[in-house]
Amino acid sequence: MLDRRQLADRLDEVMEEEAAAFLDRVPGASHLTDDRPLSEAYYIRHRIETIKRIRLTARTDAMALALMVEEDYDAARPWARYVCEELDHDTLFLADLAEHGVSEAAVNATPLFSATRDMIGYLEDRIQNVGSIAAVAYSLFVEWNSIRYSLPAAKKASEAFSPDHVAGSLSHAGIDEEENHYEVMVDIVHALLRKQESEEVLIQLLRNVAELFRRYFEELYHLTFERTAAA
């Protein structure tokens, strides 16, 4: 089994590979952070889906917690604190969307992207088959990307709209950074890997989550950019 430092290095290597694949394969991949004018339709629809993912993964996170209590009680302590905190983060993005005139009712009425539906189905299946590590892999992926892209995305949106439009996004990014969520996820997954034959189960989970996120951003681009162009 890899020690904690070796695991962190391996995870960073995998995540860099997946980030490069994202930029190479997904149309408009860097739209949220590059210097092109920001599409409000793209940004708003992305924020709506973020809220939906937070709420849906609250359930898979809870499923994972129930299992983790049996797998590794000490690892379950920080996971439980993290899960409870993440449960409230939909309110941060709802506040931002309200500045665009988008209500919670409108968010609730918006249908899921198929990639999001498949992501939740995948996580539920993997949690049942390989344990709580599947949910942690998802959070590991999200937190790694948050460190690198959340603040630049919020800065671009602030310049495009106003600081009031990104107050929740900035708060979310600040919490992730201040509480070092990514490193907490690495600690948890390192503990859970003691129950696995190798780290490869984690690597495969990360690659599959990355593929589902690429599908999501492809759907997002086609829905917002192509519909706008057609109109």
Protein backbone atom coordinates (compact mmCIF):
# COMPACT_ATOMS: atom_id res chain seq x y z
CA MET A 1 0.00 0.00 0.00
CA LEU A 2 1.22 3.49 -0.81
CA ASP A 3 2.08 5.73 2.11
CA ARG A 4 0.23 9.00 2.48
CA ARG A 5 2.78 11.07 0.52
CA GLN A 6 3.01 8.53 -2.28
CA LEU A 7 -0.77 8.38 -2.52
CA ALA A 8 -1.04 12.18 -2.71
CA ASP A 9 1.51 12.23 -5.52
CA ARG A 10 -0.28 9.46 -7.40
CA LEU A 11 -3.63 11.20 -7.04
CA ASP A 12 -2.20 14.48 -8.29
CA GLU A 13 -0.75 12.69 -11.32
CA VAL A 14 -4.10 11.11 -12.18
CA MET A 15 -6.02 14.33 -11.67
CA GLU A 16 -3.62 16.27 -13.90
CA GLU A 17 -4.12 13.65 -16.62
CA GLU A 18 -7.89 13.95 -16.32
CA ALA A 19 -7.74 17.75 -16.35
CA ALA A 20 -5.72 17.62 -19.56
CA ALA A 21 -8.28 15.23 -21.09
CA PHE A 22 -11.05 17.63 -20.10
CA LEU A 23 -9.38 20.55 -21.86
CA ASP A 24 -8.65 18.43 -24.91
CA ARG A 25 -12.05 16.80 -25.37
CA VAL A 26 -14.76 19.14 -24.06
CA PRO A 27 -15.97 22.10 -26.16
CA GLY A 28 -15.72 25.35 -24.23
CA ALA A 29 -13.84 23.53 -21.48
CA SER A 30 -12.17 26.64 -20.08
CA HIS A 31 -15.14 28.96 -20.51
CA LEU A 32 -15.68 29.59 -16.80
CA THR A 33 -12.11 30.75 -16.25
CA ASP A 34 -10.67 32.04 -19.55
CA ASP A 35 -10.64 35.65 -20.78
CA ARG A 36 -13.57 35.33 -23.21
CA PRO A 37 -16.88 37.04 -22.35
CA LEU A 38 -18.88 34.89 -19.96
CA SER A 39 -22.14 33.42 -21.23
CA GLU A 40 -24.81 34.11 -18.62
CA ALA A 41 -26.92 31.19 -19.88
CA TYR A 42 -23.97 28.80 -19.49
CA TYR A 43 -23.07 30.15 -16.06
CA ILE A 44 -26.63 30.07 -14.68
CA ARG A 45 -27.35 26.57 -15.97
CA HIS A 46 -24.08 25.36 -14.48
CA ARG A 47 -24.97 26.84 -11.10
CA ILE A 48 -28.40 25.21 -11.22
CA GLU A 49 -26.85 21.81 -11.85
CA THR A 50 -24.30 22.41 -9.09
CA ILE A 51 -27.15 22.83 -6.62
CA LYS A 52 -28.81 19.67 -7.89
CA ARG A 53 -25.59 17.69 -7.53
CA ILE A 54 -25.06 18.97 -3.98
CA ARG A 55 -28.53 17.81 -3.00
CA LEU A 56 -28.25 14.44 -4.74
CA THR A 57 -24.80 13.66 -3.40
CA ALA A 58 -26.01 14.51 0.11
CA ARG A 59 -27.85 11.20 -0.15
CA THR A 60 -24.90 9.22 -1.50
CA ASP A 61 -22.65 10.84 1.12
CA ALA A 62 -25.04 9.67 3.83
CA MET A 63 -25.08 6.16 2.37
CA ALA A 64 -21.30 6.19 2.46
CA LEU A 65 -21.26 7.42 6.06
CA ALA A 66 -23.45 4.53 7.18
CA LEU A 67 -20.97 2.10 5.62
CA MET A 68 -17.88 3.97 6.77
CA VAL A 69 -18.96 3.69 10.40
CA GLU A 70 -18.45 -0.05 9.96
CA GLU A 71 -15.38 0.17 7.71
CA ASP A 72 -13.32 2.69 9.68
CA TYR A 73 -14.95 4.61 12.52
CA ASP A 74 -12.08 7.07 12.85
CA ALA A 75 -12.28 7.95 9.15
CA ALA A 76 -16.04 8.39 9.53
CA ARG A 77 -15.57 11.26 12.02
CA PRO A 78 -14.07 13.80 9.56
CA TRP A 79 -16.29 12.45 6.77
CA ALA A 80 -19.40 13.12 8.88
CA ARG A 81 -18.29 16.70 9.58
CA TYR A 82 -17.61 17.26 5.89
CA VAL A 83 -20.94 15.77 4.80
CA CYS A 84 -22.92 17.94 7.22
CA GLU A 85 -21.17 21.07 6.00
CA GLU A 86 -21.62 20.26 2.33
CA LEU A 87 -25.33 19.67 2.92
CA ASP A 88 -25.85 23.42 3.38
CA HIS A 89 -23.82 24.64 0.43
CA ASP A 90 -26.77 24.64 -1.94
CA THR A 91 -27.97 27.77 -0.12
CA LEU A 92 -24.80 29.64 -1.12
CA PHE A 93 -25.42 29.07 -4.81
CA LEU A 94 -29.15 29.72 -4.47
CA ALA A 95 -28.30 33.16 -3.11
CA ASP A 96 -26.11 33.84 -6.15
CA LEU A 97 -28.82 32.68 -8.55
CA ALA A 98 -31.34 34.97 -6.86
CA GLU A 99 -29.18 37.90 -8.05
CA HIS A 100 -29.88 36.67 -11.60
CA GLY A 101 -33.59 36.49 -10.87
CA VAL A 102 -33.59 32.67 -10.69
CA SER A 103 -35.78 31.35 -7.88
CA GLU A 104 -35.45 28.10 -5.94
CA ALA A 105 -38.70 26.98 -7.56
CA ALA A 106 -37.09 27.46 -10.98
CA VAL A 107 -34.08 25.44 -9.87
CA ASN A 108 -36.32 22.64 -8.62
CA ALA A 109 -38.28 22.61 -11.88
CA THR A 110 -35.17 22.33 -14.08
CA PRO A 111 -34.62 18.76 -15.33
CA LEU A 112 -31.34 17.03 -14.62
CA PHE A 113 -28.73 16.51 -17.28
CA SER A 114 -28.43 12.83 -18.16
CA ALA A 115 -24.78 12.85 -17.10
CA THR A 116 -25.79 14.01 -13.61
CA ARG A 117 -28.41 11.27 -13.38
CA ASP A 118 -25.82 8.73 -14.49
CA MET A 119 -23.27 10.11 -12.01
CA ILE A 120 -25.61 9.54 -9.08
CA GLY A 121 -26.54 6.09 -10.35
CA TYR A 122 -22.86 5.24 -10.71
CA LEU A 123 -22.05 6.41 -7.17
CA GLU A 124 -24.95 4.48 -5.66
CA ASP A 125 -23.87 1.32 -7.48
CA ARG A 126 -20.21 1.65 -6.53
CA ILE A 127 -20.99 2.45 -2.88
CA GLN A 128 -22.99 -0.76 -2.68
CA ASN A 129 -20.24 -2.78 -4.38
CA VAL A 130 -16.92 -1.33 -3.20
CA GLY A 131 -17.96 0.67 -0.14
CA SER A 132 -17.78 4.24 1.04
CA ILE A 133 -14.57 4.92 -0.87
CA ALA A 134 -16.72 5.57 -3.96
CA ALA A 135 -18.33 8.65 -2.39
CA VAL A 136 -14.99 9.89 -1.12
CA ALA A 137 -13.50 9.53 -4.60
CA TYR A 138 -16.21 11.86 -5.94
CA SER A 139 -15.48 14.45 -3.25
CA LEU A 140 -11.75 14.07 -3.82
CA PHE A 141 -12.26 14.89 -7.49
CA VAL A 142 -14.50 17.87 -6.76
CA GLU A 143 -12.21 19.33 -4.09
CA TRP A 144 -9.07 18.99 -6.24
CA ASN A 145 -10.77 20.95 -9.00
CA SER A 146 -12.21 23.48 -6.57
CA ILE A 147 -8.73 24.46 -5.39
CA ARG A 148 -7.67 25.25 -8.94
CA TYR A 149 -10.76 26.64 -10.62
CA SER A 150 -13.38 27.92 -8.16
CA LEU A 151 -11.77 31.27 -7.37
CA PRO A 152 -10.87 32.10 -11.01
CA ALA A 153 -14.44 31.20 -12.03
CA ALA A 154 -15.90 33.41 -9.30
CA LYS A 155 -13.60 36.28 -10.27
CA LYS A 156 -14.68 36.06 -13.91
CA ALA A 157 -18.35 35.98 -12.92
CA SER A 158 -17.86 38.92 -10.57
CA GLU A 159 -16.37 40.98 -13.37
CA ALA A 160 -19.13 39.92 -15.78
CA PHE A 161 -22.04 40.55 -13.41
CA SER A 162 -21.18 42.02 -9.98
CA PRO A 163 -19.60 40.97 -6.67
CA ASP A 164 -23.10 40.39 -5.27
CA HIS A 165 -23.67 37.73 -7.92
CA VAL A 166 -20.80 35.59 -6.59
CA ALA A 167 -20.94 36.13 -2.82
CA GLY A 168 -22.04 32.53 -2.26
CA SER A 169 -19.49 31.12 -4.69
CA LEU A 170 -16.70 33.03 -2.99
CA SER A 171 -17.86 31.85 0.41
CA HIS A 172 -17.90 28.25 -0.82
CA ALA A 173 -14.39 28.50 -2.26
CA GLY A 174 -13.16 30.15 0.94
CA ILE A 175 -14.55 27.35 3.09
CA ASP A 176 -12.90 24.71 0.91
CA GLU A 177 -9.56 26.49 1.14
CA GLU A 178 -9.70 27.46 4.82
CA GLU A 179 -10.70 23.99 5.97
CA ASN A 180 -8.34 22.29 3.50
CA HIS A 181 -11.05 19.95 2.27
CA TYR A 182 -8.89 18.29 -0.36
CA GLU A 183 -6.26 17.21 2.16
CA VAL A 184 -9.01 15.94 4.46
CA MET A 185 -10.30 13.79 1.59
CA VAL A 186 -6.80 12.42 0.98
CA ASP A 187 -6.52 11.50 4.67
CA ILE A 188 -9.88 9.72 4.62
CA VAL A 189 -9.23 7.82 1.41
CA HIS A 190 -5.77 6.79 2.62
CA ALA A 191 -7.38 5.24 5.69
CA LEU A 192 -10.06 3.48 3.64
CA LEU A 193 -7.52 2.01 1.24
CA ARG A 194 -6.34 -0.26 4.04
CA LYS A 195 -9.44 -2.34 3.24
CA GLN A 196 -8.63 -2.50 -0.50
CA GLU A 197 -6.11 -4.67 -2.33
CA SER A 198 -4.50 -1.64 -3.98
CA GLU A 199 -5.09 1.99 -4.81
CA GLU A 200 -6.29 1.01 -8.30
CA VAL A 201 -9.91 0.78 -7.18
CA LEU A 202 -9.68 4.45 -6.23
CA ILE A 203 -7.94 5.40 -9.47
CA GLN A 204 -10.65 3.74 -11.54
CA LEU A 205 -13.35 5.52 -9.54
CA LEU A 206 -11.67 8.87 -10.18
CA ARG A 207 -11.32 8.22 -13.90
CA ASN A 208 -14.98 7.24 -14.20
CA VAL A 209 -16.12 10.30 -12.25
CA ALA A 210 -13.94 12.46 -14.50
CA GLU A 211 -15.53 10.92 -17.60
CA LEU A 212 -19.02 11.63 -16.26
CA PHE A 213 -18.07 15.24 -15.56
CA ARG A 214 -16.77 15.57 -19.13
CA ARG A 215 -20.14 14.31 -20.36
CA TYR A 216 -21.89 16.85 -18.16
CA PHE A 217 -19.89 19.79 -19.48
CA GLU A 218 -20.48 18.61 -23.05
CA GLU A 219 -24.24 18.59 -22.37
CA LEU A 220 -24.00 22.01 -20.73
CA TYR A 221 -22.15 23.48 -23.71
CA HIS A 222 -24.51 22.02 -26.32
CA LEU A 223 -27.61 23.13 -24.43
CA THR A 224 -26.51 26.72 -23.80
CA PHE A 225 -24.12 27.68 -26.60
CA GLU A 226 -25.81 25.81 -29.43
CA ARG A 227 -29.31 26.85 -28.37
CA THR A 228 -28.14 30.48 -28.17
CA ALA A 229 -26.54 30.23 -31.61
CA ALA A 230 -29.68 28.67 -33.08
CA ALA A 231 -31.85 31.40 -31.58
